[in-house]
Amino acid sequence: MTSFDLEEILTRHADNLNAGQDTTADLVREFGMLWPELDSILHLAQNLKEILIPQIAPRSLLSLLKEDLKEGLDPITIGRPRRSGWLWVGAAASLIAGGAGLFFWWRSRGGTPAAPLEI
């Protein structure tokens, strides 16, 4: 048997536990010789099933969450951060400041274009 078969055994055990049937002893008897730790794994799954009780949210909470999602999300921007207009203003200001700096640097060096080389 392969690990895929072990997965099938664990799935069968979980399905039986969800249906209210405890088939731990039957599965250990049938497949226990292949996996010595199967008994411990199945008992752990059984204990977790008893401890972890699914919590059902009240309908009022679910309806509020759905309303918030419908109002707050734009389908086009899901998964993308919204870009602020201030980002564009900052980019434009830095370009203008850089251009002005280059202009004043050029003017401080004489401010005239270089004469073409005469050959």
C-alpha atoms as a PDB file:
ATOM      1  CA  MET A   1       0.000   0.000   0.000  1.00  0.00           C
ATOM      2  CA  THR A   2       1.158   3.551  -0.652  1.00  0.00           C
ATOM      3  CA  SER A   3       0.700   6.837   1.188  1.00  0.00           C
ATOM      4  CA  PHE A   4      -2.241   7.550  -1.102  1.00  0.00           C
ATOM      5  CA  ASP A   5      -3.941   4.499   0.369  1.00  0.00           C
ATOM      6  CA  LEU A   6      -3.278   5.873   3.853  1.00  0.00           C
ATOM      7  CA  GLU A   7      -4.945   9.085   2.753  1.00  0.00           C
ATOM      8  CA  GLU A   8      -7.985   7.083   1.654  1.00  0.00           C
ATOM      9  CA  ILE A   9      -8.108   5.342   5.039  1.00  0.00           C
ATOM     10  CA  LEU A  10      -7.938   8.661   6.877  1.00  0.00           C
ATOM     11  CA  THR A  11     -10.618  10.123   4.614  1.00  0.00           C
ATOM     12  CA  ARG A  12     -12.870   7.130   5.201  1.00  0.00           C
ATOM     13  CA  HIS A  13     -12.330   7.452   8.959  1.00  0.00           C
ATOM     14  CA  ALA A  14     -13.151  11.184   8.891  1.00  0.00           C
ATOM     15  CA  ASP A  15     -16.282  10.585   6.807  1.00  0.00           C
ATOM     16  CA  ASN A  16     -17.438   7.905   9.235  1.00  0.00           C
ATOM     17  CA  LEU A  17     -16.777  10.163  12.226  1.00  0.00           C
ATOM     18  CA  ASN A  18     -18.747  12.959  10.557  1.00  0.00           C
ATOM     19  CA  ALA A  19     -21.602  10.493  10.007  1.00  0.00           C
ATOM     20  CA  GLY A  20     -21.532   9.582  13.698  1.00  0.00           C
ATOM     21  CA  GLN A  21     -19.920   6.146  13.288  1.00  0.00           C
ATOM     22  CA  ASP A  22     -16.703   5.112  15.019  1.00  0.00           C
ATOM     23  CA  THR A  23     -14.825   2.708  12.742  1.00  0.00           C
ATOM     24  CA  THR A  24     -11.439   3.147  14.441  1.00  0.00           C
ATOM     25  CA  ALA A  25     -11.212  -0.455  15.661  1.00  0.00           C
ATOM     26  CA  ASP A  26     -12.264  -1.866  12.285  1.00  0.00           C
ATOM     27  CA  LEU A  27      -9.700   0.193  10.379  1.00  0.00           C
ATOM     28  CA  VAL A  28      -6.922  -0.672  12.830  1.00  0.00           C
ATOM     29  CA  ARG A  29      -7.804  -4.349  12.537  1.00  0.00           C
ATOM     30  CA  GLU A  30      -7.818  -4.158   8.737  1.00  0.00           C
ATOM     31  CA  PHE A  31      -4.787  -1.906   8.118  1.00  0.00           C
ATOM     32  CA  GLY A  32      -2.914  -1.761  11.442  1.00  0.00           C
ATOM     33  CA  MET A  33      -0.241  -4.238  10.407  1.00  0.00           C
ATOM     34  CA  LEU A  34       0.836  -1.940   7.537  1.00  0.00           C
ATOM     35  CA  TRP A  35       1.142   1.176   9.708  1.00  0.00           C
ATOM     36  CA  PRO A  36       1.904   0.564  13.385  1.00  0.00           C
ATOM     37  CA  GLU A  37       1.065   4.201  14.190  1.00  0.00           C
ATOM     38  CA  LEU A  38      -2.384   4.008  12.525  1.00  0.00           C
ATOM     39  CA  ASP A  39      -4.101   3.305  15.850  1.00  0.00           C
ATOM     40  CA  SER A  40      -2.639   6.483  17.389  1.00  0.00           C
ATOM     41  CA  ILE A  41      -3.460   8.581  14.331  1.00  0.00           C
ATOM     42  CA  LEU A  42      -7.074   7.426  14.203  1.00  0.00           C
ATOM     43  CA  HIS A  43      -7.562   7.938  17.944  1.00  0.00           C
ATOM     44  CA  LEU A  44      -6.096  11.433  17.624  1.00  0.00           C
ATOM     45  CA  ALA A  45      -8.545  12.187  14.820  1.00  0.00           C
ATOM     46  CA  GLN A  46     -11.384  10.875  16.972  1.00  0.00           C
ATOM     47  CA  ASN A  47     -10.304  13.063  19.920  1.00  0.00           C
ATOM     48  CA  LEU A  48     -10.022  16.123  17.695  1.00  0.00           C
ATOM     49  CA  LYS A  49     -13.492  15.468  16.307  1.00  0.00           C
ATOM     50  CA  GLU A  50     -14.879  15.450  19.860  1.00  0.00           C
ATOM     51  CA  ILE A  51     -12.953  18.549  20.968  1.00  0.00           C
ATOM     52  CA  LEU A  52     -13.246  20.763  17.894  1.00  0.00           C
ATOM     53  CA  ILE A  53     -16.909  21.563  17.558  1.00  0.00           C
ATOM     54  CA  PRO A  54     -17.769  23.660  14.502  1.00  0.00           C
ATOM     55  CA  GLN A  55     -19.195  27.053  15.398  1.00  0.00           C
ATOM     56  CA  ILE A  56     -22.014  28.376  13.271  1.00  0.00           C
ATOM     57  CA  ALA A  57     -22.223  32.130  12.932  1.00  0.00           C
ATOM     58  CA  PRO A  58     -25.620  33.751  13.463  1.00  0.00           C
ATOM     59  CA  ARG A  59     -27.480  34.712  10.300  1.00  0.00           C
ATOM     60  CA  SER A  60     -27.472  38.369  11.327  1.00  0.00           C
ATOM     61  CA  LEU A  61     -23.651  38.395  11.423  1.00  0.00           C
ATOM     62  CA  LEU A  62     -23.410  36.667   8.047  1.00  0.00           C
ATOM     63  CA  SER A  63     -25.794  39.139   6.438  1.00  0.00           C
ATOM     64  CA  LEU A  64     -23.842  42.081   7.899  1.00  0.00           C
ATOM     65  CA  LEU A  65     -20.587  40.690   6.556  1.00  0.00           C
ATOM     66  CA  LYS A  66     -22.079  40.167   3.101  1.00  0.00           C
ATOM     67  CA  GLU A  67     -23.414  43.739   3.073  1.00  0.00           C
ATOM     68  CA  ASP A  68     -20.005  45.109   4.079  1.00  0.00           C
ATOM     69  CA  LEU A  69     -18.290  43.113   1.373  1.00  0.00           C
ATOM     70  CA  LYS A  70     -20.720  44.235  -1.304  1.00  0.00           C
ATOM     71  CA  GLU A  71     -20.380  47.893  -0.331  1.00  0.00           C
ATOM     72  CA  GLY A  72     -16.657  48.008   0.353  1.00  0.00           C
ATOM     73  CA  LEU A  73     -15.091  46.103  -2.509  1.00  0.00           C
ATOM     74  CA  ASP A  74     -14.778  47.165  -6.084  1.00  0.00           C
ATOM     75  CA  PRO A  75     -14.389  44.058  -8.274  1.00  0.00           C
ATOM     76  CA  ILE A  76     -11.693  45.708 -10.365  1.00  0.00           C
ATOM     77  CA  THR A  77      -9.446  46.607  -7.422  1.00  0.00           C
ATOM     78  CA  ILE A  78      -9.664  43.350  -5.474  1.00  0.00           C
ATOM     79  CA  GLY A  79      -6.160  42.160  -4.684  1.00  0.00           C
ATOM     80  CA  ARG A  80      -4.581  45.455  -5.731  1.00  0.00           C
ATOM     81  CA  PRO A  81      -3.763  48.262  -3.323  1.00  0.00           C
ATOM     82  CA  ARG A  82      -5.466  51.526  -4.153  1.00  0.00           C
ATOM     83  CA  ARG A  83      -3.104  54.184  -5.385  1.00  0.00           C
ATOM     84  CA  SER A  84      -3.532  57.606  -3.926  1.00  0.00           C
ATOM     85  CA  GLY A  85      -3.518  60.784  -6.000  1.00  0.00           C
ATOM     86  CA  TRP A  86      -0.800  62.055  -3.668  1.00  0.00           C
ATOM     87  CA  LEU A  87       1.592  59.531  -5.157  1.00  0.00           C
ATOM     88  CA  TRP A  88       1.233  61.161  -8.567  1.00  0.00           C
ATOM     89  CA  VAL A  89       1.598  64.663  -7.082  1.00  0.00           C
ATOM     90  CA  GLY A  90       4.807  63.610  -5.319  1.00  0.00           C
ATOM     91  CA  ALA A  91       6.209  62.070  -8.483  1.00  0.00           C
ATOM     92  CA  ALA A  92       5.460  65.208 -10.495  1.00  0.00           C
ATOM     93  CA  ALA A  93       6.979  67.462  -7.825  1.00  0.00           C
ATOM     94  CA  SER A  94      10.177  65.417  -7.723  1.00  0.00           C
ATOM     95  CA  LEU A  95      10.479  65.565 -11.520  1.00  0.00           C
ATOM     96  CA  ILE A  96      10.005  69.327 -11.511  1.00  0.00           C
ATOM     97  CA  ALA A  97      12.538  69.781  -8.688  1.00  0.00           C
ATOM     98  CA  GLY A  98      15.046  67.560 -10.490  1.00  0.00           C
ATOM     99  CA  GLY A  99      14.584  69.472 -13.739  1.00  0.00           C
ATOM    100  CA  ALA A 100      14.975  72.816 -11.985  1.00  0.00           C
ATOM    101  CA  GLY A 101      18.130  71.565 -10.256  1.00  0.00           C
ATOM    102  CA  LEU A 102      19.648  70.491 -13.567  1.00  0.00           C
ATOM    103  CA  PHE A 103      18.713  73.835 -15.125  1.00  0.00           C
ATOM    104  CA  PHE A 104      20.371  75.847 -12.341  1.00  0.00           C
ATOM    105  CA  TRP A 105      23.444  73.592 -12.385  1.00  0.00           C
ATOM    106  CA  TRP A 106      23.762  74.116 -16.135  1.00  0.00           C
ATOM    107  CA  ARG A 107      23.377  77.917 -15.732  1.00  0.00           C
ATOM    108  CA  SER A 108      26.049  77.987 -13.005  1.00  0.00           C
ATOM    109  CA  ARG A 109      28.539  76.371 -15.390  1.00  0.00           C
ATOM    110  CA  GLY A 110      28.202  79.095 -17.990  1.00  0.00           C
ATOM    111  CA  GLY A 111      24.753  78.503 -19.293  1.00  0.00           C
ATOM    112  CA  THR A 112      25.663  78.342 -22.928  1.00  0.00           C
ATOM    113  CA  PRO A 113      25.671  75.295 -25.099  1.00  0.00           C
ATOM    114  CA  ALA A 114      29.048  73.912 -26.019  1.00  0.00           C
ATOM    115  CA  ALA A 115      30.425  75.158 -29.284  1.00  0.00           C
ATOM    116  CA  PRO A 116      30.691  72.538 -31.981  1.00  0.00           C
ATOM    117  CA  LEU A 117      34.142  71.121 -32.484  1.00  0.00           C
ATOM    118  CA  GLU A 118      35.963  72.524 -35.441  1.00  0.00           C
ATOM    119  CA  ILE A 119      38.046  70.123 -37.400  1.00  0.00           C
END
